[in-house]
C-alpha atoms as a PDB file:
ATOM      1  CA  MET A   1     -18.388 -70.112  50.934  1.00  0.00           C
ATOM      2  CA  GLN A   2     -18.905 -67.766  53.856  1.00  0.00           C
ATOM      3  CA  ARG A   3     -16.679 -68.511  56.868  1.00  0.00           C
ATOM      4  CA  PRO A   4     -18.407 -68.728  60.275  1.00  0.00           C
ATOM      5  CA  ASP A   5     -18.496 -65.542  62.381  1.00  0.00           C
ATOM      6  CA  VAL A   6     -17.175 -63.312  59.632  1.00  0.00           C
ATOM      7  CA  GLU A   7     -19.506 -60.527  58.482  1.00  0.00           C
ATOM      8  CA  PRO A   8     -20.255 -60.565  54.769  1.00  0.00           C
ATOM      9  CA  GLY A   9     -19.232 -57.663  52.540  1.00  0.00           C
ATOM     10  CA  LEU A  10     -15.969 -56.799  54.263  1.00  0.00           C
ATOM     11  CA  GLY A  11     -12.687 -56.600  52.431  1.00  0.00           C
ATOM     12  CA  GLU A  12      -9.804 -54.393  51.516  1.00  0.00           C
ATOM     13  CA  GLU A  13     -12.227 -51.567  50.640  1.00  0.00           C
ATOM     14  CA  TYR A  14     -13.258 -51.413  54.289  1.00  0.00           C
ATOM     15  CA  ALA A  15      -9.656 -51.103  55.350  1.00  0.00           C
ATOM     16  CA  ARG A  16      -9.210 -48.103  53.050  1.00  0.00           C
ATOM     17  CA  ILE A  17     -12.380 -46.462  54.246  1.00  0.00           C
ATOM     18  CA  VAL A  18     -11.395 -46.505  57.896  1.00  0.00           C
ATOM     19  CA  GLU A  19      -7.779 -45.451  57.310  1.00  0.00           C
ATOM     20  CA  ARG A  20      -6.245 -48.811  58.169  1.00  0.00           C
ATOM     21  CA  THR A  21      -4.389 -49.351  54.923  1.00  0.00           C
ATOM     22  CA  ALA A  22      -0.976 -49.650  56.582  1.00  0.00           C
ATOM     23  CA  GLU A  23      -2.240 -52.213  59.088  1.00  0.00           C
ATOM     24  CA  PHE A  24      -4.027 -54.166  56.333  1.00  0.00           C
ATOM     25  CA  GLU A  25      -0.797 -54.308  54.318  1.00  0.00           C
ATOM     26  CA  ARG A  26       1.087 -55.486  57.412  1.00  0.00           C
ATOM     27  CA  LEU A  27      -1.316 -58.415  57.809  1.00  0.00           C
ATOM     28  CA  THR A  28      -0.977 -59.237  54.114  1.00  0.00           C
ATOM     29  CA  LEU A  29       2.823 -59.242  54.392  1.00  0.00           C
ATOM     30  CA  GLN A  30       2.860 -61.490  57.470  1.00  0.00           C
ATOM     31  CA  ALA A  31       0.469 -63.946  55.867  1.00  0.00           C
ATOM     32  CA  SER A  32       2.530 -64.074  52.698  1.00  0.00           C
ATOM     33  CA  GLN A  33       5.646 -64.824  54.719  1.00  0.00           C
ATOM     34  CA  ARG A  34       3.759 -67.418  56.829  1.00  0.00           C
ATOM     35  CA  LYS A  35       4.692 -65.542  60.010  1.00  0.00           C
ATOM     36  CA  PRO A  36       2.617 -65.093  63.159  1.00  0.00           C
ATOM     37  CA  LEU A  37       1.284 -61.716  64.350  1.00  0.00           C
ATOM     38  CA  LEU A  38       0.065 -60.427  67.715  1.00  0.00           C
ATOM     39  CA  ILE A  39      -2.352 -57.497  67.362  1.00  0.00           C
ATOM     40  CA  SER A  40      -3.097 -55.398  70.487  1.00  0.00           C
ATOM     41  CA  GLY A  41      -4.787 -52.083  71.196  1.00  0.00           C
ATOM     42  CA  PRO A  42      -7.547 -50.492  73.217  1.00  0.00           C
ATOM     43  CA  GLU A  43     -11.106 -51.769  73.009  1.00  0.00           C
ATOM     44  CA  GLY A  44     -12.923 -50.181  70.070  1.00  0.00           C
ATOM     45  CA  VAL A  45      -9.793 -49.415  68.084  1.00  0.00           C
ATOM     46  CA  GLY A  46     -10.880 -51.690  65.261  1.00  0.00           C
ATOM     47  CA  LYS A  47      -8.945 -54.927  65.703  1.00  0.00           C
ATOM     48  CA  THR A  48     -11.949 -57.166  65.028  1.00  0.00           C
ATOM     49  CA  ARG A  49     -13.141 -55.189  62.016  1.00  0.00           C
ATOM     50  CA  LEU A  50      -9.675 -55.240  60.504  1.00  0.00           C
ATOM     51  CA  LEU A  51      -9.256 -58.974  61.051  1.00  0.00           C
ATOM     52  CA  GLN A  52     -12.705 -59.764  59.639  1.00  0.00           C
ATOM     53  CA  ALA A  53     -11.962 -57.617  56.580  1.00  0.00           C
ATOM     54  CA  PHE A  54      -8.640 -59.363  56.115  1.00  0.00           C
ATOM     55  CA  ALA A  55     -10.144 -62.854  56.588  1.00  0.00           C
ATOM     56  CA  GLN A  56     -12.462 -62.153  53.661  1.00  0.00           C
ATOM     57  CA  THR A  57      -9.421 -61.851  51.373  1.00  0.00           C
ATOM     58  CA  GLN A  58      -7.838 -65.114  52.521  1.00  0.00           C
ATOM     59  CA  PRO A  59      -9.434 -68.251  51.079  1.00  0.00           C
ATOM     60  CA  LEU A  60      -7.842 -70.492  53.747  1.00  0.00           C
ATOM     61  CA  ALA A  61      -8.350 -68.272  56.783  1.00  0.00           C
ATOM     62  CA  LEU A  62      -9.789 -69.960  59.889  1.00  0.00           C
ATOM     63  CA  TYR A  63     -11.410 -67.115  61.817  1.00  0.00           C
ATOM     64  CA  VAL A  64     -12.375 -67.745  65.471  1.00  0.00           C
ATOM     65  CA  SER A  65     -14.335 -64.916  67.010  1.00  0.00           C
ATOM     66  CA  GLN A  66     -13.497 -65.555  70.671  1.00  0.00           C
ATOM     67  CA  VAL A  67     -11.068 -67.820  72.579  1.00  0.00           C
ATOM     68  CA  ARG A  68     -11.683 -68.604  76.259  1.00  0.00           C
ATOM     69  CA  ALA A  69     -10.741 -72.270  76.648  1.00  0.00           C
ATOM     70  CA  PRO A  70      -8.930 -75.000  74.684  1.00  0.00           C
ATOM     71  CA  HIS A  71     -12.067 -77.044  73.971  1.00  0.00           C
ATOM     72  CA  GLU A  72     -13.978 -74.014  72.751  1.00  0.00           C
ATOM     73  CA  LEU A  73     -11.096 -73.079  70.471  1.00  0.00           C
ATOM     74  CA  LEU A  74     -10.814 -76.574  69.039  1.00  0.00           C
ATOM     75  CA  LEU A  75     -14.596 -76.802  68.406  1.00  0.00           C
ATOM     76  CA  SER A  76     -14.530 -73.432  66.574  1.00  0.00           C
ATOM     77  CA  LEU A  77     -11.583 -74.505  64.458  1.00  0.00           C
ATOM     78  CA  ALA A  78     -13.237 -77.863  63.685  1.00  0.00           C
ATOM     79  CA  GLY A  79     -16.325 -75.989  62.434  1.00  0.00           C
ATOM     80  CA  ALA A  80     -14.233 -73.637  60.287  1.00  0.00           C
ATOM     81  CA  LEU A  81     -12.200 -76.517  58.844  1.00  0.00           C
ATOM     82  CA  ARG A  82     -15.393 -78.434  58.058  1.00  0.00           C
ATOM     83  CA  THR A  83     -16.730 -75.401  56.201  1.00  0.00           C
ATOM     84  CA  LEU A  84     -13.586 -75.033  54.075  1.00  0.00           C
ATOM     85  CA  LEU A  85     -12.741 -78.719  53.505  1.00  0.00           C
ATOM     86  CA  GLY A  86     -16.262 -80.223  53.323  1.00  0.00           C
ATOM     87  CA  ALA A  87     -18.579 -82.053  55.650  1.00  0.00           C
ATOM     88  CA  ARG A  88     -16.721 -85.382  55.328  1.00  0.00           C
ATOM     89  CA  SER A  89     -13.310 -83.915  56.170  1.00  0.00           C
ATOM     90  CA  LEU A  90     -13.882 -84.249  59.926  1.00  0.00           C
ATOM     91  CA  PRO A  91     -15.922 -86.650  62.070  1.00  0.00           C
ATOM     92  CA  SER A  92     -19.524 -85.563  62.554  1.00  0.00           C
ATOM     93  CA  HIS A  93     -19.375 -86.126  66.334  1.00  0.00           C
ATOM     94  CA  THR A  94     -16.656 -83.600  67.226  1.00  0.00           C
ATOM     95  CA  SER A  95     -18.927 -81.905  69.752  1.00  0.00           C
ATOM     96  CA  THR A  96     -18.813 -84.971  71.979  1.00  0.00           C
ATOM     97  CA  MET A  97     -15.062 -85.600  71.747  1.00  0.00           C
ATOM     98  CA  SER A  98     -12.649 -85.040  74.550  1.00  0.00           C
ATOM     99  CA  THR A  99     -10.225 -82.100  74.258  1.00  0.00           C
ATOM    100  CA  CYS A 100      -7.381 -84.469  73.609  1.00  0.00           C
ATOM    101  CA  SER A 101      -9.180 -86.391  70.818  1.00  0.00           C
ATOM    102  CA  LEU A 102     -10.526 -83.181  69.282  1.00  0.00           C
ATOM    103  CA  LYS A 103      -7.017 -81.675  69.196  1.00  0.00           C
ATOM    104  CA  GLY A 104      -5.753 -84.683  67.227  1.00  0.00           C
ATOM    105  CA  VAL A 105      -8.589 -84.353  64.686  1.00  0.00           C
ATOM    106  CA  VAL A 106      -7.989 -80.642  64.234  1.00  0.00           C
ATOM    107  CA  ASP A 107      -4.241 -81.087  64.025  1.00  0.00           C
ATOM    108  CA  ARG A 108      -4.563 -83.630  61.195  1.00  0.00           C
ATOM    109  CA  ALA A 109      -6.989 -81.463  59.301  1.00  0.00           C
ATOM    110  CA  LEU A 110      -4.655 -78.458  59.544  1.00  0.00           C
ATOM    111  CA  GLY A 111      -2.093 -80.466  57.614  1.00  0.00           C
ATOM    112  CA  ALA A 112      -4.365 -80.726  54.575  1.00  0.00           C
ATOM    113  CA  LYS A 113      -3.703 -77.160  53.264  1.00  0.00           C
ATOM    114  CA  ARG A 114      -1.772 -74.023  53.978  1.00  0.00           C
ATOM    115  CA  PHE A 115      -4.261 -72.543  56.456  1.00  0.00           C
ATOM    116  CA  LEU A 116      -4.015 -69.314  58.400  1.00  0.00           C
ATOM    117  CA  MET A 117      -5.500 -69.194  61.875  1.00  0.00           C
ATOM    118  CA  ILE A 118      -7.047 -65.874  63.054  1.00  0.00           C
ATOM    119  CA  LEU A 119      -7.864 -65.942  66.801  1.00  0.00           C
ATOM    120  CA  ASP A 120      -9.793 -62.921  67.982  1.00  0.00           C
ATOM    121  CA  HIS A 121     -10.660 -61.570  71.452  1.00  0.00           C
ATOM    122  CA  LEU A 122      -8.024 -63.335  73.503  1.00  0.00           C
ATOM    123  CA  GLU A 123      -8.801 -61.996  76.959  1.00  0.00           C
ATOM    124  CA  GLY A 124      -6.405 -62.954  79.737  1.00  0.00           C
ATOM    125  CA  PRO A 125      -5.515 -66.287  78.099  1.00  0.00           C
ATOM    126  CA  SER A 126      -4.333 -69.074  80.412  1.00  0.00           C
ATOM    127  CA  ARG A 127      -1.173 -71.063  79.933  1.00  0.00           C
ATOM    128  CA  VAL A 128      -3.304 -74.021  78.825  1.00  0.00           C
ATOM    129  CA  VAL A 129      -4.846 -71.947  76.041  1.00  0.00           C
ATOM    130  CA  THR A 130      -1.515 -70.599  74.835  1.00  0.00           C
ATOM    131  CA  LYS A 131      -0.019 -74.111  74.956  1.00  0.00           C
ATOM    132  CA  THR A 132      -2.855 -75.428  72.779  1.00  0.00           C
ATOM    133  CA  ILE A 133      -2.328 -72.525  70.320  1.00  0.00           C
ATOM    134  CA  LYS A 134       1.411 -73.183  70.165  1.00  0.00           C
ATOM    135  CA  GLU A 135       0.851 -76.888  69.505  1.00  0.00           C
ATOM    136  CA  LEU A 136      -1.588 -76.156  66.711  1.00  0.00           C
ATOM    137  CA  GLY A 137       0.848 -73.767  65.125  1.00  0.00           C
ATOM    138  CA  TYR A 138       3.379 -76.622  65.175  1.00  0.00           C
ATOM    139  CA  TYR A 139       6.441 -74.356  64.971  1.00  0.00           C
ATOM    140  CA  GLY A 140       5.294 -72.285  62.058  1.00  0.00           C
ATOM    141  CA  ARG A 141       3.415 -74.911  60.043  1.00  0.00           C
ATOM    142  CA  THR A 142       0.226 -72.873  60.435  1.00  0.00           C
ATOM    143  CA  PRO A 143       0.768 -69.145  61.010  1.00  0.00           C
ATOM    144  CA  ILE A 144      -1.489 -67.633  63.658  1.00  0.00           C
ATOM    145  CA  PHE A 145      -2.787 -64.078  63.969  1.00  0.00           C
ATOM    146  CA  LEU A 146      -3.697 -63.309  67.600  1.00  0.00           C
ATOM    147  CA  ALA A 147      -5.786 -60.343  68.723  1.00  0.00           C
ATOM    148  CA  ALA A 148      -5.512 -59.507  72.393  1.00  0.00           C
ATOM    149  CA  ARG A 149      -8.514 -57.921  74.086  1.00  0.00           C
ATOM    150  CA  SER A 150      -6.333 -55.085  75.319  1.00  0.00           C
ATOM    151  CA  PRO A 151      -2.697 -53.945  75.259  1.00  0.00           C
ATOM    152  CA  HIS A 152      -2.363 -54.628  79.011  1.00  0.00           C
ATOM    153  CA  MET A 153       0.033 -57.208  80.269  1.00  0.00           C
ATOM    154  CA  GLU A 154      -2.760 -59.498  81.609  1.00  0.00           C
ATOM    155  CA  ASP A 155      -3.912 -59.948  78.019  1.00  0.00           C
ATOM    156  CA  ILE A 156      -0.685 -59.949  76.020  1.00  0.00           C
ATOM    157  CA  GLY A 157       1.736 -61.337  78.621  1.00  0.00           C
ATOM    158  CA  ALA A 158       0.985 -65.052  78.023  1.00  0.00           C
ATOM    159  CA  LEU A 159       0.871 -64.491  74.265  1.00  0.00           C
ATOM    160  CA  GLN A 160       4.300 -62.861  73.847  1.00  0.00           C
ATOM    161  CA  PRO A 161       6.251 -66.174  73.908  1.00  0.00           C
ATOM    162  CA  LEU A 162       4.241 -67.182  70.783  1.00  0.00           C
ATOM    163  CA  VAL A 163       5.555 -64.133  68.951  1.00  0.00           C
ATOM    164  CA  SER A 164       9.106 -63.760  70.251  1.00  0.00           C
ATOM    165  CA  ASP A 165      10.277 -61.323  67.570  1.00  0.00           C
ATOM    166  CA  LYS A 166       9.137 -57.696  67.750  1.00  0.00           C
ATOM    167  CA  SER A 167       8.458 -57.760  64.001  1.00  0.00           C
ATOM    168  CA  GLU A 168       5.624 -60.210  64.851  1.00  0.00           C
ATOM    169  CA  ARG A 169       3.719 -57.636  66.914  1.00  0.00           C
ATOM    170  CA  LEU A 170       1.366 -54.893  65.862  1.00  0.00           C
ATOM    171  CA  GLU A 171      -0.107 -52.272  68.174  1.00  0.00           C
ATOM    172  CA  MET A 172      -3.179 -50.565  66.798  1.00  0.00           C
ATOM    173  CA  LYS A 173      -3.708 -47.013  68.094  1.00  0.00           C
ATOM    174  CA  ASN A 174      -6.605 -44.558  68.098  1.00  0.00           C
ATOM    175  CA  TRP A 175      -6.804 -42.190  65.164  1.00  0.00           C
ATOM    176  CA  PRO A 176      -5.279 -38.677  65.133  1.00  0.00           C
ATOM    177  CA  PRO A 177      -7.882 -35.883  65.464  1.00  0.00           C
ATOM    178  CA  ALA A 178      -8.211 -35.126  61.739  1.00  0.00           C
ATOM    179  CA  VAL A 179      -8.776 -38.748  60.722  1.00  0.00           C
ATOM    180  CA  ALA A 180     -11.178 -39.357  63.645  1.00  0.00           C
ATOM    181  CA  LEU A 181     -13.202 -36.246  62.787  1.00  0.00           C
ATOM    182  CA  GLU A 182     -13.499 -37.251  59.104  1.00  0.00           C
ATOM    183  CA  PHE A 183     -14.701 -40.685  60.219  1.00  0.00           C
ATOM    184  CA  ALA A 184     -17.242 -39.108  62.616  1.00  0.00           C
ATOM    185  CA  HIS A 185     -18.675 -36.987  59.827  1.00  0.00           C
ATOM    186  CA  ARG A 186     -18.956 -40.047  57.569  1.00  0.00           C
ATOM    187  CA  GLU A 187     -20.668 -41.973  60.376  1.00  0.00           C
ATOM    188  CA  ALA A 188     -23.111 -39.096  60.972  1.00  0.00           C
ATOM    189  CA  GLU A 189     -23.886 -39.008  57.277  1.00  0.00           C
ATOM    190  CA  ARG A 190     -24.296 -42.754  57.104  1.00  0.00           C
ATOM    191  CA  THR A 191     -26.811 -42.736  59.949  1.00  0.00           C
ATOM    192  CA  ASP A 192     -28.635 -39.501  58.818  1.00  0.00           C
ATOM    193  CA  LEU A 193     -27.662 -37.669  61.969  1.00  0.00           C
ATOM    194  CA  SER A 194     -28.454 -33.947  61.819  1.00  0.00           C
ATOM    195  CA  ALA A 195     -28.392 -31.082  64.273  1.00  0.00           C
ATOM    196  CA  SER A 196     -27.769 -27.340  64.195  1.00  0.00           C
ATOM    197  CA  ASN A 197     -24.665 -27.889  66.332  1.00  0.00           C
ATOM    198  CA  LEU A 198     -23.524 -31.048  64.544  1.00  0.00           C
ATOM    199  CA  ASP A 199     -19.991 -29.778  63.755  1.00  0.00           C
ATOM    200  CA  VAL A 200     -19.328 -28.691  67.283  1.00  0.00           C
ATOM    201  CA  ALA A 201     -20.842 -31.875  68.719  1.00  0.00           C
ATOM    202  CA  LEU A 202     -18.738 -34.144  66.506  1.00  0.00           C
ATOM    203  CA  GLN A 203     -15.589 -32.201  67.271  1.00  0.00           C
ATOM    204  CA  SER A 204     -16.258 -32.524  71.004  1.00  0.00           C
ATOM    205  CA  LEU A 205     -17.109 -36.218  70.815  1.00  0.00           C
ATOM    206  CA  VAL A 206     -13.967 -36.911  68.823  1.00  0.00           C
ATOM    207  CA  GLN A 207     -11.851 -35.038  71.368  1.00  0.00           C
ATOM    208  CA  LEU A 208     -13.571 -36.770  74.301  1.00  0.00           C
ATOM    209  CA  SER A 209     -13.163 -40.206  72.707  1.00  0.00           C
ATOM    210  CA  GLY A 210      -9.473 -39.742  72.148  1.00  0.00           C
ATOM    211  CA  GLY A 211      -9.987 -40.708  68.531  1.00  0.00           C
ATOM    212  CA  ASN A 212     -11.305 -44.181  69.318  1.00  0.00           C
ATOM    213  CA  PRO A 213     -13.406 -45.332  66.339  1.00  0.00           C
ATOM    214  CA  GLY A 214     -15.615 -47.713  68.392  1.00  0.00           C
ATOM    215  CA  SER A 215     -16.444 -44.952  70.843  1.00  0.00           C
ATOM    216  CA  ILE A 216     -17.309 -42.610  67.955  1.00  0.00           C
ATOM    217  CA  VAL A 217     -19.679 -45.152  66.430  1.00  0.00           C
ATOM    218  CA  HIS A 218     -21.444 -45.701  69.720  1.00  0.00           C
ATOM    219  CA  MET A 219     -21.770 -42.018  70.530  1.00  0.00           C
ATOM    220  CA  VAL A 220     -23.088 -41.076  67.052  1.00  0.00           C
ATOM    221  CA  LYS A 221     -25.687 -43.782  67.501  1.00  0.00           C
ATOM    222  CA  MET A 222     -26.623 -42.397  70.912  1.00  0.00           C
ATOM    223  CA  ALA A 223     -26.935 -38.890  69.452  1.00  0.00           C
ATOM    224  CA  HIS A 224     -30.103 -40.005  67.652  1.00  0.00           C
ATOM    225  CA  GLN A 225     -31.894 -40.687  70.962  1.00  0.00           C
ATOM    226  CA  SER A 226     -34.322 -38.061  72.241  1.00  0.00           C
ATOM    227  CA  GLN A 227     -32.794 -37.785  75.713  1.00  0.00           C
ATOM    228  CA  TYR A 228     -29.657 -36.355  74.118  1.00  0.00           C
ATOM    229  CA  ARG A 229     -31.459 -33.760  72.075  1.00  0.00           C
ATOM    230  CA  ILE A 230     -32.844 -30.311  72.951  1.00  0.00           C
ATOM    231  CA  GLU A 231     -34.774 -28.745  70.118  1.00  0.00           C
ATOM    232  CA  ASP A 232     -32.362 -29.136  67.149  1.00  0.00           C
ATOM    233  CA  GLN A 233     -29.168 -29.565  69.143  1.00  0.00           C
ATOM    234  CA  ILE A 234     -27.218 -32.476  70.565  1.00  0.00           C
ATOM    235  CA  LYS A 235     -26.450 -32.473  74.319  1.00  0.00           C
ATOM    236  CA  PHE A 236     -23.011 -33.975  73.741  1.00  0.00           C
ATOM    237  CA  HIS A 237     -21.629 -33.511  77.269  1.00  0.00           C
ATOM    238  CA  VAL A 238     -24.518 -35.408  78.774  1.00  0.00           C
ATOM    239  CA  LEU A 239     -24.240 -38.012  76.033  1.00  0.00           C
ATOM    240  CA  TYR A 240     -20.539 -38.524  76.738  1.00  0.00           C
ATOM    241  CA  LEU A 241     -21.079 -38.918  80.471  1.00  0.00           C
ATOM    242  CA  ASP A 242     -23.751 -41.560  79.900  1.00  0.00           C
ATOM    243  CA  TYR A 243     -21.490 -43.333  77.412  1.00  0.00           C
ATOM    244  CA  ARG A 244     -18.686 -43.460  79.962  1.00  0.00           C
ATOM    245  CA  MET A 245     -21.120 -44.802  82.567  1.00  0.00           C
ATOM    246  CA  GLY A 246     -22.263 -47.557  80.181  1.00  0.00           C
ATOM    247  CA  ARG A 247     -25.725 -46.200  79.474  1.00  0.00           C
ATOM    248  CA  ARG A 248     -25.719 -47.011  75.761  1.00  0.00           C
END
């Protein structure tokens, strides 16, 4: 059964394609040892894609796409638990429950099996959110993978007490130039992008992006638009400036 918010068709093959084999293996090891993991890195580095790919390989993964408040987190977990355990496993009226009551329902359901929680896009989490996450983990009963929105202290600071050991932290980085360029060429081929200066354009976009895969995907997509073409060439400097200014 497909879990909510997880794109179909993702798996270990995706991790190999985008050169994240080492990170994928790290997630697999942490899950097998029932240990938590905090994943951080710049926006667009591939945290969400990696977690979604990994969730597809874990029959008891509870994937939550975004966490902003305790009640929102608990509702998402209740939905994921209902999907995995069946409609009768949780009360049908969870949407009208108070946060306290809902936490009790989710906590009891988490004890039914050896689940793994995957909480994505934690942006500047409050102490209330992190307290709720800690209580749901119940001192290691349910391991939790946390993905911070960025590696900056405002996003990872409140989460670090949940993963006190450095072995429970993983920083994802942008790709080195050779890997990023290979990915850019594959993305251009996948989207049927062609130009007489394609090689030069891709090399420049990779350099300007710093090897960030999300940026590469967006800029290759932009390169199809007429305003970034002149005859059979890509105006990659203009394209990059517009990308940085948010004109996507």
